[in-house]
Amino acid sequence: MSTHTYRLSCDCGNAILTARGAPEVSLYCHCGSCRALYGTVMLAGTAWRDDRVELPEADRVIDYKMSDRDMRRFVCRECGVTLYGRHRPGMPVIPHSLFRKANGGELPAELAPTLHLFYRDRVLDVADDLPRSDGGELMGM
């Protein structure tokens, strides 16, 4: 297992989270739920086991639940930056933007995405050689 420790924060520094080791998966997700939850055309992020992540204190975040789905988004109470989400199986999903911010604008090489998930639901084509999956088998869905 990787021994990396990532200390991540929102823009104002009010909410801090720490991820240790390696994520379960690093990917691009194209599903409609992630697009809506994270407000983007596709999510670039990592999914982590709970025992590898220290999440911000509850009074530092606002928890938004999507009304028609089981997904949740957690944002800093002060600056509104999205810190992580929880998808249906419950793992914290941290956007790559937080890792880039903590690493001088670059995504750490060990967190490079390894696949496109729900590629059939994409709203834009991506020209790369990563595998495409049309199901959530890797995310426990």
N, C-alpha and C. Protein backbone atom coordinates (compact mmCIF):
# COMPACT_ATOMS: atom_id res chain seq x y z
N MET A 1 0.84 -1.18 0.00
CA MET A 1 0.00 0.00 0.00
C MET A 1 0.89 1.25 0.00
N SER A 2 0.41 2.26 -0.66
CA SER A 2 1.12 3.54 -0.73
C SER A 2 1.20 4.16 0.67
N THR A 3 2.29 4.86 0.91
CA THR A 3 2.46 5.53 2.21
C THR A 3 2.22 7.03 2.10
N HIS A 4 1.68 7.49 1.00
CA HIS A 4 1.44 8.92 0.81
C HIS A 4 0.38 9.43 1.78
N THR A 5 0.58 10.66 2.22
CA THR A 5 -0.43 11.37 3.02
C THR A 5 -0.72 12.69 2.32
N TYR A 6 -1.99 12.94 2.09
CA TYR A 6 -2.42 14.16 1.39
C TYR A 6 -3.25 14.99 2.36
N ARG A 7 -2.78 16.21 2.62
CA ARG A 7 -3.52 17.14 3.46
C ARG A 7 -4.18 18.15 2.51
N LEU A 8 -5.49 18.14 2.50
CA LEU A 8 -6.26 18.92 1.53
C LEU A 8 -7.14 19.93 2.24
N SER A 9 -7.41 21.05 1.58
CA SER A 9 -8.27 22.04 2.21
C SER A 9 -9.08 22.78 1.17
N CYS A 10 -10.08 23.46 1.66
CA CYS A 10 -10.87 24.37 0.85
C CYS A 10 -10.03 25.62 0.57
N ASP A 11 -10.61 26.61 -0.11
CA ASP A 11 -9.87 27.83 -0.44
C ASP A 11 -9.55 28.68 0.78
N CYS A 12 -10.44 28.70 1.76
CA CYS A 12 -10.22 29.59 2.91
C CYS A 12 -9.49 28.90 4.07
N GLY A 13 -9.29 27.58 4.00
CA GLY A 13 -8.59 26.85 5.05
C GLY A 13 -9.45 26.45 6.23
N ASN A 14 -10.75 26.74 6.17
CA ASN A 14 -11.67 26.39 7.25
C ASN A 14 -11.86 24.88 7.40
N ALA A 15 -11.90 24.17 6.27
CA ALA A 15 -12.17 22.73 6.30
C ALA A 15 -10.97 21.97 5.74
N ILE A 16 -10.44 21.08 6.54
CA ILE A 16 -9.26 20.29 6.19
C ILE A 16 -9.67 18.82 6.14
N LEU A 17 -9.15 18.10 5.15
CA LEU A 17 -9.30 16.65 5.16
C LEU A 17 -7.97 16.04 4.82
N THR A 18 -7.76 14.83 5.30
CA THR A 18 -6.51 14.12 5.08
C THR A 18 -6.82 12.75 4.51
N ALA A 19 -6.10 12.38 3.45
CA ALA A 19 -6.23 11.06 2.84
C ALA A 19 -4.86 10.39 2.95
N ARG A 20 -4.88 9.11 3.33
CA ARG A 20 -3.63 8.37 3.52
C ARG A 20 -3.63 7.11 2.67
N GLY A 21 -2.44 6.79 2.17
CA GLY A 21 -2.30 5.57 1.39
C GLY A 21 -2.74 5.78 -0.04
N ALA A 22 -3.45 4.81 -0.55
CA ALA A 22 -3.91 4.85 -1.94
C ALA A 22 -5.42 4.79 -1.98
N PRO A 23 -6.02 5.46 -2.97
CA PRO A 23 -7.48 5.38 -3.11
C PRO A 23 -7.87 4.00 -3.65
N GLU A 24 -9.13 3.68 -3.53
CA GLU A 24 -9.65 2.46 -4.14
C GLU A 24 -9.60 2.55 -5.65
N VAL A 25 -9.88 3.75 -6.16
CA VAL A 25 -9.84 3.97 -7.61
C VAL A 25 -9.70 5.46 -7.88
N SER A 26 -8.99 5.78 -8.95
CA SER A 26 -8.90 7.15 -9.46
C SER A 26 -9.44 7.12 -10.88
N LEU A 27 -10.40 7.98 -11.18
CA LEU A 27 -11.12 7.84 -12.44
C LEU A 27 -11.73 9.13 -12.92
N TYR A 28 -12.28 9.04 -14.13
CA TYR A 28 -13.17 10.06 -14.67
C TYR A 28 -14.55 9.44 -14.67
N CYS A 29 -15.51 10.09 -14.03
CA CYS A 29 -16.88 9.56 -14.03
C CYS A 29 -17.76 10.48 -14.87
N HIS A 30 -18.53 9.88 -15.75
CA HIS A 30 -19.38 10.61 -16.68
C HIS A 30 -20.86 10.48 -16.36
N CYS A 31 -21.21 9.86 -15.24
CA CYS A 31 -22.63 9.65 -14.95
C CYS A 31 -23.34 10.98 -14.66
N GLY A 32 -24.62 10.99 -14.91
CA GLY A 32 -25.41 12.19 -14.67
C GLY A 32 -25.41 12.61 -13.21
N SER A 33 -25.36 11.66 -12.31
CA SER A 33 -25.34 11.99 -10.88
C SER A 33 -24.09 12.75 -10.50
N CYS A 34 -22.93 12.30 -10.95
CA CYS A 34 -21.68 13.02 -10.64
C CYS A 34 -21.66 14.38 -11.32
N ARG A 35 -22.15 14.45 -12.56
CA ARG A 35 -22.19 15.76 -13.23
C ARG A 35 -23.02 16.74 -12.43
N ALA A 36 -24.17 16.30 -11.92
CA ALA A 36 -25.04 17.18 -11.13
C ALA A 36 -24.44 17.47 -9.76
N LEU A 37 -23.91 16.46 -9.10
CA LEU A 37 -23.39 16.62 -7.74
C LEU A 37 -22.19 17.56 -7.70
N TYR A 38 -21.28 17.41 -8.66
CA TYR A 38 -20.05 18.20 -8.65
C TYR A 38 -20.11 19.42 -9.58
N GLY A 39 -21.18 19.54 -10.36
CA GLY A 39 -21.34 20.70 -11.24
C GLY A 39 -20.31 20.77 -12.35
N THR A 40 -20.07 19.64 -13.02
CA THR A 40 -19.04 19.59 -14.06
C THR A 40 -19.49 18.64 -15.17
N VAL A 41 -18.81 18.65 -16.31
CA VAL A 41 -19.18 17.76 -17.42
C VAL A 41 -18.70 16.34 -17.18
N MET A 42 -17.69 16.17 -16.34
CA MET A 42 -17.26 14.85 -15.88
C MET A 42 -16.45 15.07 -14.61
N LEU A 43 -16.52 14.11 -13.73
CA LEU A 43 -15.77 14.20 -12.48
C LEU A 43 -14.41 13.54 -12.66
N ALA A 44 -13.36 14.23 -12.27
CA ALA A 44 -12.04 13.63 -12.12
C ALA A 44 -11.84 13.52 -10.61
N GLY A 45 -11.78 12.30 -10.11
CA GLY A 45 -11.69 12.15 -8.66
C GLY A 45 -11.20 10.79 -8.22
N THR A 46 -11.07 10.67 -6.92
CA THR A 46 -10.62 9.43 -6.29
C THR A 46 -11.63 8.99 -5.24
N ALA A 47 -11.87 7.70 -5.17
CA ALA A 47 -12.75 7.13 -4.14
C ALA A 47 -11.88 6.44 -3.10
N TRP A 48 -12.21 6.68 -1.82
CA TRP A 48 -11.38 6.22 -0.70
C TRP A 48 -12.20 5.40 0.29
N ARG A 49 -11.56 4.42 0.90
CA ARG A 49 -12.17 3.73 2.04
C ARG A 49 -12.20 4.70 3.21
N ASP A 50 -13.23 4.60 4.02
CA ASP A 50 -13.37 5.50 5.18
C ASP A 50 -12.18 5.46 6.12
N ASP A 51 -11.55 4.30 6.27
CA ASP A 51 -10.44 4.21 7.21
C ASP A 51 -9.16 4.87 6.70
N ARG A 52 -9.18 5.38 5.48
CA ARG A 52 -8.02 6.07 4.92
C ARG A 52 -8.22 7.59 4.83
N VAL A 53 -9.35 8.07 5.31
CA VAL A 53 -9.66 9.50 5.18
C VAL A 53 -10.11 10.07 6.51
N GLU A 54 -9.53 11.20 6.88
CA GLU A 54 -10.03 11.99 8.01
C GLU A 54 -10.78 13.16 7.42
N LEU A 55 -12.07 13.19 7.66
CA LEU A 55 -12.94 14.21 7.07
C LEU A 55 -13.03 15.43 7.97
N PRO A 56 -13.41 16.58 7.40
CA PRO A 56 -13.54 17.79 8.23
C PRO A 56 -14.61 17.61 9.29
N GLU A 57 -14.47 18.38 10.36
CA GLU A 57 -15.48 18.36 11.42
C GLU A 57 -16.83 18.78 10.85
N ALA A 58 -17.89 18.16 11.36
CA ALA A 58 -19.23 18.39 10.82
C ALA A 58 -19.66 19.85 10.84
N ASP A 59 -19.21 20.61 11.83
CA ASP A 59 -19.61 22.02 11.91
C ASP A 59 -18.88 22.90 10.90
N ARG A 60 -17.94 22.33 10.14
CA ARG A 60 -17.19 23.09 9.15
C ARG A 60 -17.70 22.87 7.73
N VAL A 61 -18.65 21.96 7.57
CA VAL A 61 -19.16 21.65 6.24
C VAL A 61 -20.69 21.75 6.20
N ILE A 62 -21.19 21.91 4.99
CA ILE A 62 -22.62 21.83 4.73
C ILE A 62 -22.83 20.58 3.89
N ASP A 63 -23.79 19.78 4.25
CA ASP A 63 -24.10 18.51 3.62
C ASP A 63 -25.32 18.70 2.73
N TYR A 64 -25.13 18.55 1.40
CA TYR A 64 -26.24 18.65 0.46
C TYR A 64 -26.59 17.26 -0.04
N LYS A 65 -27.85 16.91 0.06
CA LYS A 65 -28.32 15.63 -0.47
C LYS A 65 -29.08 15.88 -1.74
N MET A 66 -28.76 15.13 -2.78
CA MET A 66 -29.53 15.22 -4.01
C MET A 66 -30.89 14.61 -3.74
N SER A 67 -31.93 15.31 -4.06
CA SER A 67 -33.28 14.90 -3.67
C SER A 67 -33.71 13.57 -4.27
N ASP A 68 -33.29 13.26 -5.48
CA ASP A 68 -33.76 12.04 -6.12
C ASP A 68 -32.73 10.92 -6.13
N ARG A 69 -31.63 11.11 -5.42
CA ARG A 69 -30.58 10.09 -5.40
C ARG A 69 -30.00 9.97 -3.99
N ASP A 70 -29.17 8.96 -3.81
CA ASP A 70 -28.55 8.74 -2.51
C ASP A 70 -27.20 9.44 -2.38
N MET A 71 -26.84 10.27 -3.36
CA MET A 71 -25.53 10.91 -3.32
C MET A 71 -25.58 12.19 -2.50
N ARG A 72 -24.45 12.50 -1.87
CA ARG A 72 -24.34 13.69 -1.02
C ARG A 72 -23.08 14.45 -1.40
N ARG A 73 -23.13 15.78 -1.22
CA ARG A 73 -21.97 16.64 -1.47
C ARG A 73 -21.70 17.41 -0.19
N PHE A 74 -20.42 17.51 0.18
CA PHE A 74 -20.00 18.22 1.38
C PHE A 74 -19.13 19.40 0.97
N VAL A 75 -19.55 20.60 1.35
CA VAL A 75 -18.84 21.83 0.97
C VAL A 75 -18.44 22.59 2.22
N CYS A 76 -17.40 23.41 2.09
CA CYS A 76 -16.97 24.25 3.20
C CYS A 76 -18.08 25.24 3.54
N ARG A 77 -18.38 25.34 4.80
CA ARG A 77 -19.42 26.25 5.29
C ARG A 77 -19.05 27.71 5.03
N GLU A 78 -17.76 28.03 4.95
CA GLU A 78 -17.32 29.42 4.78
C GLU A 78 -17.17 29.82 3.31
N CYS A 79 -16.42 29.04 2.52
CA CYS A 79 -16.11 29.47 1.14
C CYS A 79 -16.89 28.71 0.08
N GLY A 80 -17.56 27.62 0.44
CA GLY A 80 -18.40 26.89 -0.51
C GLY A 80 -17.69 25.91 -1.42
N VAL A 81 -16.40 25.69 -1.24
CA VAL A 81 -15.66 24.74 -2.08
C VAL A 81 -16.14 23.32 -1.78
N THR A 82 -16.38 22.55 -2.84
CA THR A 82 -16.74 21.14 -2.67
C THR A 82 -15.52 20.37 -2.21
N LEU A 83 -15.65 19.71 -1.07
CA LEU A 83 -14.55 18.95 -0.48
C LEU A 83 -14.59 17.47 -0.86
N TYR A 84 -15.79 16.91 -0.85
CA TYR A 84 -15.94 15.51 -1.23
C TYR A 84 -17.42 15.22 -1.40
N GLY A 85 -17.68 14.08 -1.98
CA GLY A 85 -19.04 13.58 -2.10
C GLY A 85 -19.08 12.17 -1.58
N ARG A 86 -20.28 11.67 -1.41
CA ARG A 86 -20.45 10.24 -1.08
C ARG A 86 -21.41 9.68 -2.11
N HIS A 87 -20.93 8.65 -2.83
CA HIS A 87 -21.79 8.03 -3.82
C HIS A 87 -22.60 6.93 -3.16
N ARG A 88 -23.41 6.25 -3.92
CA ARG A 88 -24.37 5.30 -3.36
C ARG A 88 -23.78 4.28 -2.38
N PRO A 89 -22.65 3.63 -2.67
CA PRO A 89 -22.10 2.70 -1.68
C PRO A 89 -21.49 3.38 -0.45
N GLY A 90 -21.30 4.69 -0.49
CA GLY A 90 -20.88 5.41 0.70
C GLY A 90 -19.44 5.83 0.82
N MET A 91 -18.60 5.49 -0.15
CA MET A 91 -17.20 5.89 -0.06
C MET A 91 -17.05 7.39 -0.32
N PRO A 92 -16.15 8.07 0.41
CA PRO A 92 -15.87 9.47 0.09
C PRO A 92 -15.17 9.55 -1.28
N VAL A 93 -15.64 10.46 -2.11
CA VAL A 93 -15.06 10.71 -3.43
C VAL A 93 -14.53 12.14 -3.43
N ILE A 94 -13.21 12.27 -3.54
CA ILE A 94 -12.55 13.57 -3.45
C ILE A 94 -12.17 14.03 -4.86
N PRO A 95 -12.60 15.23 -5.24
CA PRO A 95 -12.23 15.74 -6.57
C PRO A 95 -10.72 15.95 -6.70
N HIS A 96 -10.22 15.68 -7.90
CA HIS A 96 -8.79 15.88 -8.16
C HIS A 96 -8.37 17.32 -7.96
N SER A 97 -9.29 18.26 -8.08
CA SER A 97 -8.93 19.67 -7.92
C SER A 97 -8.30 19.95 -6.56
N LEU A 98 -8.74 19.25 -5.52
CA LEU A 98 -8.15 19.46 -4.19
C LEU A 98 -6.71 18.95 -4.13
N PHE A 99 -6.46 17.82 -4.79
CA PHE A 99 -5.09 17.28 -4.82
C PHE A 99 -4.17 18.20 -5.62
N ARG A 100 -4.70 18.74 -6.73
CA ARG A 100 -3.90 19.68 -7.54
C ARG A 100 -3.56 20.93 -6.74
N LYS A 101 -4.54 21.46 -6.03
CA LYS A 101 -4.34 22.67 -5.23
C LYS A 101 -3.24 22.44 -4.19
N ALA A 102 -3.23 21.27 -3.58
CA ALA A 102 -2.26 20.95 -2.53
C ALA A 102 -0.88 20.59 -3.09
N ASN A 103 -0.79 20.42 -4.41
CA ASN A 103 0.44 19.94 -5.03
C ASN A 103 0.92 20.91 -6.13
N GLY A 104 0.78 22.20 -5.91
CA GLY A 104 1.29 23.19 -6.85
C GLY A 104 0.64 23.17 -8.22
N GLY A 105 -0.61 22.73 -8.29
CA GLY A 105 -1.33 22.71 -9.56
C GLY A 105 -1.24 21.41 -10.32
N GLU A 106 -0.43 20.49 -9.86
CA GLU A 106 -0.26 19.20 -10.54
C GLU A 106 -0.94 18.09 -9.76
N LEU A 107 -1.51 17.14 -10.48
CA LEU A 107 -2.06 15.95 -9.84
C LEU A 107 -0.89 15.01 -9.54
N PRO A 108 -0.75 14.55 -8.29
CA PRO A 108 0.32 13.59 -8.01
C PRO A 108 0.22 12.38 -8.95
N ALA A 109 1.33 11.96 -9.48
CA ALA A 109 1.36 10.90 -10.49
C ALA A 109 0.65 9.63 -10.03
N GLU A 110 0.78 9.31 -8.76
CA GLU A 110 0.17 8.07 -8.25
C GLU A 110 -1.36 8.15 -8.22
N LEU A 111 -1.93 9.32 -8.44
CA LEU A 111 -3.39 9.48 -8.45
C LEU A 111 -3.96 9.63 -9.86
N ALA A 112 -3.14 9.38 -10.87
CA ALA A 112 -3.61 9.50 -12.25
C ALA A 112 -4.80 8.57 -12.48
N PRO A 113 -5.83 9.06 -13.17
CA PRO A 113 -7.00 8.22 -13.44
C PRO A 113 -6.62 6.97 -14.23
N THR A 114 -7.32 5.88 -13.94
CA THR A 114 -7.05 4.62 -14.61
C THR A 114 -8.19 4.17 -15.52
N LEU A 115 -9.32 4.88 -15.51
CA LEU A 115 -10.44 4.50 -16.37
C LEU A 115 -11.48 5.62 -16.44
N HIS A 116 -12.38 5.45 -17.41
CA HIS A 116 -13.58 6.28 -17.53
C HIS A 116 -14.76 5.42 -17.10
N LEU A 117 -15.54 5.90 -16.16
CA LEU A 117 -16.70 5.17 -15.66
C LEU A 117 -17.97 5.79 -16.24
N PHE A 118 -18.93 4.94 -16.59
CA PHE A 118 -20.20 5.37 -17.19
C PHE A 118 -19.95 6.21 -18.44
N TYR A 119 -19.00 5.78 -19.25
CA TYR A 119 -18.64 6.55 -20.44
C TYR A 119 -19.81 6.69 -21.41
N ARG A 120 -20.71 5.74 -21.42
CA ARG A 120 -21.88 5.83 -22.31
C ARG A 120 -22.73 7.06 -22.01
N ASP A 121 -22.63 7.59 -20.79
CA ASP A 121 -23.42 8.76 -20.39
C ASP A 121 -22.70 10.08 -20.62
N ARG A 122 -21.54 10.04 -21.25
CA ARG A 122 -20.72 11.25 -21.43
C ARG A 122 -21.46 12.34 -22.19
N VAL A 123 -21.05 13.58 -21.92
CA VAL A 123 -21.56 14.73 -22.66
C VAL A 123 -20.47 15.32 -23.54
N LEU A 124 -19.26 14.78 -23.45
CA LEU A 124 -18.19 15.13 -24.38
C LEU A 124 -17.28 13.93 -24.53
N ASP A 125 -16.73 13.79 -25.73
CA ASP A 125 -15.80 12.70 -26.00
C ASP A 125 -14.43 13.04 -25.45
N VAL A 126 -13.71 12.02 -25.01
CA VAL A 126 -12.37 12.21 -24.47
C VAL A 126 -11.42 11.34 -25.28
N ALA A 127 -10.36 11.94 -25.80
CA ALA A 127 -9.39 11.23 -26.61
C ALA A 127 -8.20 10.81 -25.75
N ASP A 128 -8.29 9.63 -25.17
CA ASP A 128 -7.16 9.05 -24.45
C ASP A 128 -7.27 7.53 -24.57
N ASP A 129 -6.30 6.84 -24.02
CA ASP A 129 -6.27 5.38 -24.15
C ASP A 129 -6.78 4.65 -22.91
N LEU A 130 -7.40 5.36 -21.97
CA LEU A 130 -7.89 4.70 -20.76
C LEU A 130 -9.07 3.81 -21.09
N PRO A 131 -9.22 2.71 -20.36
CA PRO A 131 -10.39 1.85 -20.56
C PRO A 131 -11.68 2.59 -20.24
N ARG A 132 -12.75 2.19 -20.91
CA ARG A 132 -14.08 2.76 -20.68
C ARG A 132 -14.96 1.68 -20.09
N SER A 133 -15.73 2.05 -19.07
CA SER A 133 -16.65 1.12 -18.45
C SER A 133 -18.04 1.74 -18.49
N ASP A 134 -19.02 0.92 -18.84
CA ASP A 134 -20.39 1.40 -18.88
C ASP A 134 -21.20 0.98 -17.66
N GLY A 135 -20.52 0.51 -16.63
CA GLY A 135 -21.21 0.11 -15.41
C GLY A 135 -20.42 0.53 -14.19
N GLY A 136 -21.05 0.36 -13.06
CA GLY A 136 -20.41 0.76 -11.81
C GLY A 136 -19.79 -0.38 -11.05
N GLU A 137 -19.43 -1.45 -11.73
CA GLU A 137 -18.90 -2.61 -11.01
C GLU A 137 -17.67 -2.28 -10.18
N LEU A 138 -16.86 -1.34 -10.61
CA LEU A 138 -15.66 -0.98 -9.87
C LEU A 138 -15.97 -0.13 -8.66
N MET A 139 -17.11 0.51 -8.65
CA MET A 139 -17.48 1.40 -7.55
C MET A 139 -18.52 0.75 -6.62
N GLY A 140 -18.79 -0.51 -6.83
CA GLY A 140 -19.73 -1.21 -5.97
C GLY A 140 -21.19 -0.86 -6.24
N MET A 141 -21.46 -0.34 -7.44
CA MET A 141 -22.85 0.02 -7.76
C MET A 141 -23.54 -1.10 -8.47
